[in-house]
Amino acid sequence: MFDAEGPDDLTFCEPIHSTVKGALWRVALTVLIPAAWISGTILFLAFFAHGLSAFQDVAVLVASGLLLFATVAAMWVTFGMRMYHRWVEW
């Protein structure tokens, strides 16, 4: 049916629908998590970090940024692993 390798009984829309469904919430969270991180970090540094030095402020930014990166990366790594397994089965 298609030029690409794969089973003949696989419809074209089924893998696209499941891929979009799995990616939709990840895209939304990839936008919302950094927005919440920026606002939370600004609020923390503006109102709650009065006793911290500039070095400690930078340390808070770096640590929270690494946590942000790890959270978003974990979401997309699980998606990538699922797509890899689906492609290998195909």
Protein backbone atom coordinates (compact mmCIF):
# COMPACT_ATOMS: atom_id res chain seq x y z
CA MET A 1 0.00 0.00 0.00
CA PHE A 2 2.83 2.43 0.87
CA ASP A 3 6.42 2.66 -0.30
CA ALA A 4 7.68 2.59 3.29
CA GLU A 5 8.27 -0.73 4.94
CA GLY A 6 5.56 -1.85 7.34
CA PRO A 7 2.56 -4.11 7.68
CA ASP A 8 -0.17 -3.79 5.06
CA ASP A 9 -3.03 -3.89 7.58
CA LEU A 10 -1.89 -0.72 9.35
CA THR A 11 -4.05 2.26 8.46
CA PHE A 12 -2.39 5.60 7.89
CA CYS A 13 -4.37 7.62 10.46
CA GLU A 14 -3.99 5.28 13.42
CA PRO A 15 -0.30 5.94 14.19
CA ILE A 16 -0.70 9.67 13.57
CA HIS A 17 -3.68 9.91 15.93
CA SER A 18 -1.91 8.12 18.77
CA THR A 19 1.25 10.16 18.20
CA VAL A 20 -0.66 13.45 18.29
CA LYS A 21 -2.58 12.34 21.36
CA GLY A 22 0.66 11.51 23.19
CA ALA A 23 2.42 14.68 22.10
CA LEU A 24 -0.44 17.09 22.78
CA TRP A 25 -0.16 17.21 26.56
CA ARG A 26 3.62 17.21 26.34
CA VAL A 27 3.60 20.29 24.14
CA ALA A 28 1.18 22.04 26.50
CA LEU A 29 3.32 21.23 29.54
CA THR A 30 6.48 22.22 27.69
CA VAL A 31 4.98 25.69 27.36
CA LEU A 32 3.36 25.89 30.81
CA ILE A 33 6.22 24.54 32.94
CA PRO A 34 8.80 27.19 31.85
CA ALA A 35 6.16 29.93 32.23
CA ALA A 36 5.45 28.75 35.78
CA TRP A 37 9.20 28.46 36.42
CA ILE A 38 9.87 32.03 35.31
CA SER A 39 7.02 33.47 37.36
CA GLY A 40 7.83 31.34 40.40
CA THR A 41 11.51 32.21 40.27
CA ILE A 42 10.82 35.92 39.90
CA LEU A 43 8.36 35.84 42.82
CA PHE A 44 10.78 33.89 44.99
CA LEU A 45 13.74 36.13 44.29
CA ALA A 46 11.67 39.31 44.63
CA PHE A 47 9.78 38.52 47.82
CA PHE A 48 11.33 35.60 49.69
CA ALA A 49 15.08 35.75 49.05
CA HIS A 50 15.95 38.95 50.90
CA GLY A 51 18.63 37.33 53.05
CA LEU A 52 20.40 35.59 50.18
CA SER A 53 23.57 36.84 48.52
CA ALA A 54 23.90 37.29 44.76
CA PHE A 55 25.75 33.97 44.54
CA GLN A 56 22.90 32.21 46.34
CA ASP A 57 20.38 33.87 44.01
CA VAL A 58 22.29 32.51 41.02
CA ALA A 59 22.47 29.09 42.69
CA VAL A 60 18.68 29.11 43.11
CA LEU A 61 18.27 29.98 39.43
CA VAL A 62 20.67 27.27 38.27
CA ALA A 63 19.22 24.57 40.53
CA SER A 64 15.64 25.35 39.59
CA GLY A 65 16.62 25.56 35.92
CA LEU A 66 18.17 22.10 36.09
CA LEU A 67 15.00 20.80 37.71
CA LEU A 68 12.96 22.41 34.93
CA PHE A 69 15.16 20.85 32.26
CA ALA A 70 14.99 17.41 33.90
CA THR A 71 11.20 17.55 34.12
CA VAL A 72 10.68 18.55 30.51
CA ALA A 73 13.35 16.14 29.28
CA ALA A 74 11.75 13.23 31.17
CA MET A 75 8.44 13.92 29.46
CA TRP A 76 9.95 13.94 26.00
CA VAL A 77 12.31 10.99 26.60
CA THR A 78 9.35 8.77 27.48
CA PHE A 79 7.60 9.93 24.31
CA GLY A 80 10.71 9.28 22.23
CA MET A 81 11.14 5.81 23.69
CA ARG A 82 7.51 4.98 22.92
CA MET A 83 7.88 6.22 19.33
CA TYR A 84 11.12 4.25 18.94
CA HIS A 85 9.46 1.04 20.09
CA ARG A 86 6.51 1.69 17.80
CA TRP A 87 8.87 2.28 14.87
CA VAL A 88 10.88 -0.86 15.63
CA GLU A 89 7.66 -2.93 15.74
CA TRP A 90 6.63 -1.39 12.45
